[in-house]
Amino acid sequence: MSEVVERLERIERLLVTLNAKIDNFLGYEDLTEKEREELKKMREEVRRGEFVRFEGLFEE
């Protein structure tokens, strides 16, 4: 059980790092308010688990 918790914590840290990199991505500051809202909506969908894995895009 401890190993599972450690893995989840590592994944969480990686996601936080990725989120920070997205925020700092060149051009982010040039997004319109509408684009920022869309990005916020997508992040919320991912947090709720409402996404398709990349591998799933090509399955028939």
Protein backbone atom coordinates (compact mmCIF):
# COMPACT_ATOMS: atom_id res chain seq x y z
CA MET A 1 0.00 0.00 0.00
CA SER A 2 2.83 2.38 0.86
CA GLU A 3 4.35 1.81 -2.58
CA VAL A 4 1.08 2.80 -4.25
CA VAL A 5 0.87 6.00 -2.20
CA GLU A 6 4.47 6.85 -3.08
CA ARG A 7 3.77 6.34 -6.78
CA LEU A 8 0.66 8.50 -6.62
CA GLU A 9 2.60 11.25 -4.86
CA ARG A 10 5.31 11.09 -7.53
CA ILE A 11 2.71 11.32 -10.28
CA GLU A 12 1.13 14.29 -8.53
CA ARG A 13 4.50 16.07 -8.33
CA LEU A 14 5.12 15.39 -12.02
CA LEU A 15 1.72 16.79 -12.92
CA VAL A 16 2.36 19.93 -10.88
CA THR A 17 5.68 20.36 -12.68
CA LEU A 18 4.04 19.84 -16.06
CA ASN A 19 1.32 22.33 -15.20
CA ALA A 20 3.95 24.92 -14.28
CA LYS A 21 5.75 24.32 -17.57
CA ILE A 22 2.53 24.79 -19.50
CA ASP A 23 1.89 28.06 -17.67
CA ASN A 24 5.38 29.26 -18.51
CA PHE A 25 5.24 28.13 -22.12
CA LEU A 26 6.40 30.79 -24.53
CA GLY A 27 3.36 32.65 -25.77
CA TYR A 28 1.13 31.88 -22.80
CA GLU A 29 1.05 35.53 -21.86
CA ASP A 30 -0.34 36.30 -25.33
CA LEU A 31 -3.44 34.17 -24.88
CA THR A 32 -6.78 35.93 -25.06
CA GLU A 33 -9.17 35.72 -22.13
CA LYS A 34 -11.30 33.26 -24.11
CA GLU A 35 -8.27 31.03 -24.76
CA ARG A 36 -7.29 31.15 -21.07
CA GLU A 37 -10.83 30.10 -20.09
CA GLU A 38 -10.68 27.22 -22.57
CA LEU A 39 -7.34 26.09 -21.14
CA LYS A 40 -8.77 26.29 -17.62
CA LYS A 41 -11.76 24.20 -18.71
CA MET A 42 -9.47 21.55 -20.24
CA ARG A 43 -7.40 21.37 -17.04
CA GLU A 44 -10.55 20.83 -14.99
CA GLU A 45 -11.68 18.05 -17.35
CA VAL A 46 -8.31 16.31 -16.96
CA ARG A 47 -8.51 16.63 -13.15
CA ARG A 48 -11.93 14.95 -13.26
CA GLY A 49 -10.57 12.18 -15.46
CA GLU A 50 -12.53 13.25 -18.53
CA PHE A 51 -9.93 12.57 -21.19
CA VAL A 52 -8.82 9.93 -23.68
CA ARG A 53 -5.33 8.53 -23.41
CA PHE A 54 -3.11 9.18 -26.41
CA GLU A 55 -2.94 5.45 -27.13
CA GLY A 56 -6.73 5.31 -27.18
CA LEU A 57 -6.94 7.79 -30.05
CA PHE A 58 -5.73 5.22 -32.55
CA GLU A 59 -7.66 2.17 -31.37
CA GLU A 60 -10.52 0.97 -33.50
